[in-house]
Protein backbone atom coordinates (compact mmCIF):
# COMPACT_ATOMS: atom_id res chain seq x y z
CA MET A 1 91.53 146.25 102.18
CA GLU A 2 90.73 147.87 98.86
CA THR A 3 93.71 149.58 98.58
CA ALA A 4 95.82 146.32 99.29
CA THR A 5 93.42 144.86 96.36
CA CYS A 6 93.22 147.01 94.04
CA LEU A 7 97.12 146.89 93.85
CA ASN A 8 97.43 143.22 94.54
CA ILE A 9 99.64 143.85 97.49
CA SER A 10 99.47 142.54 101.32
CA ARG A 11 97.15 144.70 103.93
CA GLN A 12 100.70 144.44 105.78
CA THR A 13 102.33 146.32 103.18
CA VAL A 14 100.10 148.84 102.46
CA SER A 15 99.84 149.72 106.45
CA LYS A 16 103.77 150.24 106.04
CA LEU A 17 103.51 152.37 103.58
CA TRP A 18 101.10 154.62 105.20
CA LYS A 19 102.76 154.94 108.27
CA GLN A 20 105.58 155.96 106.01
CA PHE A 21 103.75 158.78 104.03
CA GLN A 22 102.55 160.36 107.41
CA ASN A 23 106.60 159.71 108.88
CA ASP A 24 108.63 161.41 105.81
CA GLY A 25 105.71 163.18 103.12
CA SER A 26 106.70 160.57 100.68
CA VAL A 27 106.72 156.37 100.09
CA VAL A 28 110.91 156.38 98.09
CA ARG A 29 113.36 154.03 99.91
CA ARG A 30 115.37 156.86 102.36
CA PRO A 31 119.16 156.19 101.13
CA GLY A 32 120.83 154.37 103.13
CA GLN A 33 118.31 151.30 103.36
CA GLY A 34 118.99 148.12 101.96
CA ARG A 35 121.30 145.52 101.98
CA LYS A 36 125.11 147.44 101.70
CA ARG A 37 126.16 147.34 97.92
CA MET A 38 128.70 143.91 97.45
CA THR A 39 130.95 146.36 95.82
CA THR A 40 132.62 149.76 95.38
CA ALA A 41 132.35 152.61 92.98
CA SER A 42 135.77 151.83 92.43
CA GLU A 43 135.97 148.36 92.37
CA ASP A 44 133.10 148.24 89.97
CA ARG A 45 135.43 150.98 88.11
CA TYR A 46 138.16 148.42 87.77
CA LEU A 47 135.74 144.96 86.61
CA ALA A 48 134.52 147.08 83.91
CA LEU A 49 138.38 148.19 82.77
CA THR A 50 138.99 144.66 83.04
CA ALA A 51 135.83 142.94 81.42
CA ARG A 52 137.54 145.26 78.30
CA ARG A 53 141.79 144.41 78.69
CA ASN A 54 140.90 140.01 77.80
CA ARG A 55 136.70 139.95 76.54
CA LYS A 56 136.58 136.86 76.15
CA ALA A 57 137.21 136.46 80.18
CA THR A 58 134.50 134.66 82.12
CA ALA A 59 132.64 135.95 85.82
CA ARG A 60 134.10 134.01 87.14
CA GLN A 61 137.00 134.85 85.64
CA LEU A 62 137.07 138.66 86.55
CA SER A 63 135.30 137.70 89.81
CA SER A 64 138.93 135.76 90.84
CA GLU A 65 140.87 138.45 89.82
CA LEU A 66 138.55 141.81 91.37
CA ALA A 67 138.73 139.09 94.36
CA ALA A 68 142.70 138.73 94.22
CA ALA A 69 142.90 143.02 93.45
CA THR A 70 140.73 144.37 96.28
CA GLY A 71 139.94 140.96 98.54
CA THR A 72 136.37 141.33 97.71
CA VAL A 73 134.28 138.07 96.29
CA ALA A 74 131.38 137.78 94.60
CA SER A 75 129.20 135.85 92.82
CA ARG A 76 129.55 135.39 89.17
CA GLN A 77 125.83 137.11 88.78
CA THR A 78 126.55 140.11 90.56
CA ILE A 79 129.25 140.08 88.37
CA TYR A 80 127.06 139.89 85.45
CA ARG A 81 124.67 142.90 87.39
CA ARG A 82 128.00 145.42 87.53
CA LEU A 83 128.89 144.96 84.00
CA ASN A 84 125.47 145.16 82.51
CA GLU A 85 125.15 148.52 84.33
CA LYS A 86 128.76 149.60 82.98
CA GLY A 87 127.10 148.53 79.79
CA LEU A 88 129.27 145.29 78.87
CA TYR A 89 126.73 142.14 78.29
CA ALA A 90 127.61 138.64 77.23
CA ARG A 91 127.11 137.95 73.51
CA LYS A 92 128.70 135.68 71.11
CA PRO A 93 131.34 137.67 69.24
CA ARG A 94 130.94 137.73 65.19
CA VAL A 95 132.94 135.67 62.51
CA CYS A 96 135.47 137.05 60.12
CA VAL A 97 137.99 136.66 58.13
CA LEU A 98 141.11 138.65 57.62
CA LEU A 99 141.76 141.22 53.85
CA SER A 100 144.64 142.61 53.61
CA SER A 101 145.36 146.33 51.89
CA GLN A 102 145.19 144.79 48.03
CA LYS A 103 142.08 142.57 48.70
CA LYS A 104 140.05 145.18 50.48
CA ARG A 105 141.14 147.11 47.46
CA ASP A 106 139.61 144.79 44.76
CA ARG A 107 136.94 144.11 46.72
CA PHE A 108 136.25 148.00 46.95
CA ASN A 109 137.18 148.38 43.16
CA TRP A 110 134.49 145.19 42.42
CA CYS A 111 131.45 146.79 44.14
CA LYS A 112 131.97 150.02 42.09
CA GLU A 113 131.84 148.59 38.96
CA HIS A 114 129.52 146.43 39.93
CA GLN A 115 126.91 148.82 41.52
CA ASN A 116 124.82 150.08 38.94
CA TRP A 117 124.01 146.84 37.70
CA THR A 118 120.43 146.03 36.94
CA GLU A 119 118.36 143.10 37.92
CA HIS A 120 118.53 142.64 34.40
CA GLN A 121 122.16 142.56 34.43
CA TRP A 122 122.64 140.12 36.99
CA SER A 123 119.85 137.91 35.84
CA HIS A 124 122.47 136.09 33.42
CA VAL A 125 124.73 134.83 36.40
CA LEU A 126 124.98 131.85 37.60
CA PHE A 127 125.81 131.94 40.94
CA THR A 128 127.74 129.07 42.96
CA ASP A 129 129.14 127.51 45.99
CA GLU A 130 130.14 124.54 48.09
CA SER A 131 129.14 124.45 51.39
CA ARG A 132 129.47 121.94 54.60
CA PHE A 133 127.33 120.60 56.28
CA SER A 134 127.65 118.33 59.26
CA LEU A 135 125.76 115.89 62.16
CA THR A 136 128.37 117.01 64.46
CA GLY A 137 130.23 119.53 65.52
CA ASP A 138 131.89 121.51 68.14
CA SER A 139 129.76 122.40 70.89
CA LYS A 140 131.62 125.00 72.07
CA ARG A 141 130.31 128.31 73.33
CA VAL A 142 132.39 131.99 73.40
CA TYR A 143 131.29 134.25 74.98
CA ILE A 144 132.61 138.33 74.60
CA TRP A 145 131.86 141.05 76.97
CA ARG A 146 130.63 144.01 74.57
CA GLU A 147 128.91 147.51 74.86
CA SER A 148 125.47 147.50 73.22
CA GLY A 149 126.23 148.88 69.59
CA THR A 150 129.78 147.74 68.98
CA ARG A 151 129.01 143.59 67.47
CA ASN A 152 131.57 144.94 64.29
CA ASP A 153 134.45 146.26 65.83
CA PRO A 154 137.18 144.84 65.14
CA SER A 155 138.51 144.14 69.59
CA ASN A 156 134.71 141.55 68.74
CA ILE A 157 134.80 140.11 65.67
CA VAL A 158 136.92 136.27 66.01
CA GLU A 159 138.62 135.38 62.88
CA ARG A 160 138.00 132.07 61.39
CA ASP A 161 138.71 131.10 57.48
CA ARG A 162 138.46 127.67 57.40
CA PHE A 163 135.41 125.02 57.46
CA GLY A 164 134.72 122.97 60.55
CA SER A 165 135.50 119.32 59.44
CA GLY A 166 133.66 116.11 58.52
CA GLY A 167 129.97 116.06 57.78
CA VAL A 168 128.26 116.24 54.12
CA MET A 169 130.44 118.73 51.11
CA VAL A 170 127.60 120.02 48.84
CA TRP A 171 127.34 122.48 45.55
CA GLY A 172 123.90 124.41 44.62
CA GLY A 173 124.16 127.48 41.85
CA ILE A 174 121.59 130.17 41.51
CA MET A 175 120.37 132.94 38.79
CA ILE A 176 117.39 134.75 39.12
CA ASP A 177 114.05 132.46 37.63
CA GLY A 178 115.67 129.39 38.23
CA ARG A 179 118.83 127.17 40.23
CA THR A 180 120.71 124.05 39.67
CA PRO A 181 120.30 120.81 41.48
CA LEU A 182 121.71 120.30 44.36
CA HIS A 183 124.87 118.28 44.12
CA VAL A 184 126.65 116.21 46.80
CA PHE A 185 130.23 115.20 46.16
CA SER A 186 130.42 111.31 46.91
CA SER A 187 134.44 112.59 47.98
CA GLY A 188 134.58 114.39 51.64
CA SER A 189 137.00 116.85 49.37
CA VAL A 190 136.81 118.77 45.41
CA THR A 191 140.01 118.90 43.94
CA GLY A 192 139.97 120.27 40.11
CA GLN A 193 139.28 117.69 38.73
CA ILE A 194 136.27 116.85 40.83
CA TYR A 195 135.66 119.22 40.17
CA ARG A 196 135.02 119.40 36.12
CA ASP A 197 133.63 116.32 36.76
CA GLU A 198 131.18 116.48 38.81
CA VAL A 199 129.85 120.33 38.81
CA LEU A 200 130.83 122.08 35.64
CA ASP A 201 130.13 119.47 33.05
CA PRO A 202 126.74 118.02 34.71
CA TYR A 203 125.12 121.80 35.50
CA VAL A 204 127.25 124.53 34.50
CA ARG A 205 127.76 123.83 30.62
CA LEU A 206 124.33 123.03 30.93
CA PHE A 207 123.03 126.16 31.97
CA ARG A 208 125.53 127.45 29.73
CA GLY A 209 123.65 126.71 26.63
CA ALA A 210 120.00 127.15 27.99
CA TYR A 211 121.18 131.06 28.60
CA GLY A 212 123.60 131.46 25.47
CA PRO A 213 126.31 133.66 25.09
CA ASP A 214 125.31 136.45 27.51
CA PHE A 215 125.92 133.50 29.97
CA LEU A 216 127.78 134.31 33.43
CA PHE A 217 129.24 131.73 35.98
CA MET A 218 130.58 133.09 39.60
CA ASP A 219 132.39 130.77 41.20
CA ASP A 220 134.76 132.03 44.26
CA ASN A 221 138.54 132.01 44.08
CA ALA A 222 139.33 128.40 46.14
CA ARG A 223 141.88 126.91 44.93
CA PRO A 224 140.12 123.90 42.97
CA HIS A 225 137.74 126.54 40.74
CA ARG A 226 141.17 128.08 39.64
CA ALA A 227 143.13 125.16 38.56
CA ASN A 228 144.45 124.92 35.41
CA LEU A 229 142.18 121.66 33.96
CA VAL A 230 139.19 124.06 35.14
CA ASP A 231 140.72 127.66 32.60
CA GLU A 232 140.34 124.96 29.82
CA PHE A 233 137.19 123.28 30.01
CA LEU A 234 135.62 126.90 31.42
CA GLU A 235 137.40 127.57 27.73
CA SER A 236 136.17 125.00 25.60
CA GLU A 237 132.87 124.99 26.34
CA ASP A 238 132.89 129.46 25.85
CA ILE A 239 131.70 129.96 29.56
CA LYS A 240 132.55 133.38 31.02
CA ARG A 241 133.10 133.73 33.91
CA ILE A 242 132.68 137.26 36.17
CA PRO A 243 135.73 138.64 37.83
CA TRP A 244 135.02 137.59 41.35
CA PRO A 245 136.62 139.18 44.80
CA PRO A 246 139.22 137.68 47.28
CA ASN A 247 137.75 135.98 50.35
CA SER A 248 134.24 138.27 50.31
CA PRO A 249 130.85 135.46 50.45
CA ASP A 250 129.29 137.98 51.68
CA LEU A 251 128.69 138.94 48.35
CA ASN A 252 127.52 135.43 46.96
CA PRO A 253 124.12 135.88 47.68
CA ILE A 254 124.35 131.77 47.92
CA GLU A 255 124.96 132.89 51.43
CA ASN A 256 121.87 133.47 52.30
CA LEU A 257 120.14 129.90 51.01
CA TRP A 258 122.95 127.70 52.45
CA ASP A 259 121.13 130.25 56.32
CA TYR A 260 117.67 129.08 54.94
CA LEU A 261 119.22 125.50 54.26
CA GLY A 262 120.69 124.97 57.10
CA ARG A 263 117.95 126.19 59.18
CA ALA A 264 115.19 124.12 57.64
CA ILE A 265 117.35 121.34 58.39
CA ALA A 266 117.57 122.29 61.94
CA ARG A 267 113.53 121.52 61.83
CA ILE A 268 113.10 118.39 61.18
CA HIS A 269 112.62 116.79 64.12
CA PRO A 270 113.83 113.89 64.85
CA PRO A 271 116.79 115.09 63.21
CA PRO A 272 118.70 113.33 60.93
CA ARG A 273 120.54 110.30 62.44
CA ASP A 274 123.15 109.34 59.93
CA VAL A 275 124.97 110.55 56.30
CA ASN A 276 122.58 109.20 54.05
CA ALA A 277 119.96 110.77 56.35
CA LEU A 278 121.45 113.74 55.98
CA LYS A 279 121.83 113.92 51.89
CA THR A 280 118.47 112.88 51.28
CA ALA A 281 116.99 115.88 53.98
CA LEU A 282 119.52 118.40 52.11
CA LEU A 283 118.20 117.25 48.77
CA GLU A 284 114.85 117.38 49.64
CA GLU A 285 114.84 121.15 51.40
CA TRP A 286 116.76 122.61 48.85
CA ARG A 287 114.23 121.20 46.25
CA LEU A 288 111.48 123.33 48.66
CA ILE A 289 113.35 126.32 48.37
CA PRO A 290 110.67 129.17 47.45
CA GLN A 291 112.13 130.61 44.17
CA THR A 292 110.74 134.07 46.20
CA VAL A 293 113.03 133.53 48.45
CA VAL A 294 116.09 132.97 45.77
CA ASN A 295 114.68 136.29 43.75
CA ASN A 296 114.93 138.35 46.81
CA VAL A 297 118.93 137.62 47.42
CA ILE A 298 120.05 138.51 44.71
CA SER A 299 117.99 142.14 44.33
CA SER A 300 120.09 142.03 47.29
CA LEU A 301 122.71 142.74 45.11
CA LYS A 302 122.50 146.31 44.24
CA THR A 303 122.48 146.58 48.88
CA ARG A 304 125.56 144.46 49.20
CA CYS A 305 127.61 146.80 46.52
CA ASP A 306 126.72 150.35 48.29
CA ILE A 307 130.14 152.17 47.67
CA ARG A 308 129.16 153.83 50.35
CA ARG A 309 128.46 150.83 53.17
CA GLY A 310 131.82 149.94 51.58
CA ARG A 311 133.21 152.85 52.74
CA ARG A 312 132.36 153.22 56.16
CA CYS A 313 133.35 150.00 57.03
CA ILE A 314 137.12 150.75 55.72
CA ASN A 315 137.11 153.76 57.40
CA SER A 316 135.81 152.55 60.61
CA HIS A 317 138.64 149.95 60.91
CA ARG A 318 141.54 152.48 59.23
CA HIS A 319 144.23 151.77 62.38
CA ASP A 320 143.53 147.85 61.65
CA SER A 321 145.55 146.49 59.50
CA SER A 322 142.12 144.46 58.24
CA PHE A 323 138.77 144.85 56.99
CA TYR A 324 136.15 142.14 58.09
CA GLN A 325 133.23 140.35 55.87
CA TYR A 326 131.54 139.07 58.88
CA TYR A 327 129.99 135.61 58.65
CA LYS A 328 127.10 134.64 60.73
CA PRO A 329 127.66 131.98 64.07
CA THR A 330 127.57 128.35 62.90
CA LEU A 331 125.33 125.95 64.93
CA TYR A 332 125.41 121.75 64.55
CA LEU A 333 122.63 120.26 64.27
CA GLY A 334 122.63 118.85 61.08
CA GLU A 335 123.09 121.46 58.99
CA VAL A 336 125.29 123.91 57.25
CA THR A 337 128.83 124.34 59.24
CA ARG A 338 129.64 127.21 57.76
CA PRO A 339 127.53 129.28 59.66
CA ILE A 340 123.46 130.14 60.21
CA GLN A 341 122.01 130.89 63.41
CA MET A 342 118.47 128.55 64.45
CA THR A 343 116.26 130.54 66.13
CA ALA A 344 113.44 129.78 68.57
């Protein structure tokens, strides 16, 4: 009775184990006891091989393939357990864009050129970007089968090079110890003229005037940013651009601010119900972002520009024509439809 109470098990279990110990000298379950395993070792290997060949296959699809090949009908839970035993787990794929060989070289050279920049040098740069925030979005969830530690393998990545549809387009700029107001575009898309009239003239020009001739302006290579009228405006205002490698949003520290902003919007309860409420929430949450957060993401540029990390990434994909730069998974709850993830 005392043993059962101490171990928090029934007296019948204690009695059964005691009898087994007297007979066998051990309480370990004997081989062959218990329910017979539904799948054989060969079938388990077949499941793992099939999942690796088709990483987007669902457990139900794998069960159907197993039944067609061997006649064994296994539940979804059994499929999950067998794949887990083989080190395969259902995970969301990383999302990326492709870089050509030339773009890889441009990116590597840019990082090499800026890897030794000091915080003082970075403090002269205004980092800018647009991002789209959405009230609703695609609710589909895509999972893949992969081993632990293989998140960045090419076979475990889904390529994407555009935003989701709908929502509010915003623009912002950040510097060490400063930031622009968040600008909400009046239209859903941005042209060169809109970019000049709504962003460069009212915001960037004023920052250039305040910071003086050492001021550097960073924007990416989106088509509206490289329009002739934009180049002419920057030249007329003596605004110098910092060259930017193509398809490299992961190098831009403001991407982390879009993530931060999206999480802040996702925490609002009840969430924004219409576009006007979303605009109001975005403007307020942008204003409330601590400047220390802004400074910290800009200070991370030394790590982002570490060419040793970049070289390892390129070498890890040397058998593939692409170099991957990563986004975070997207969450649609009235936040940025380009890449954020909500935490519990």
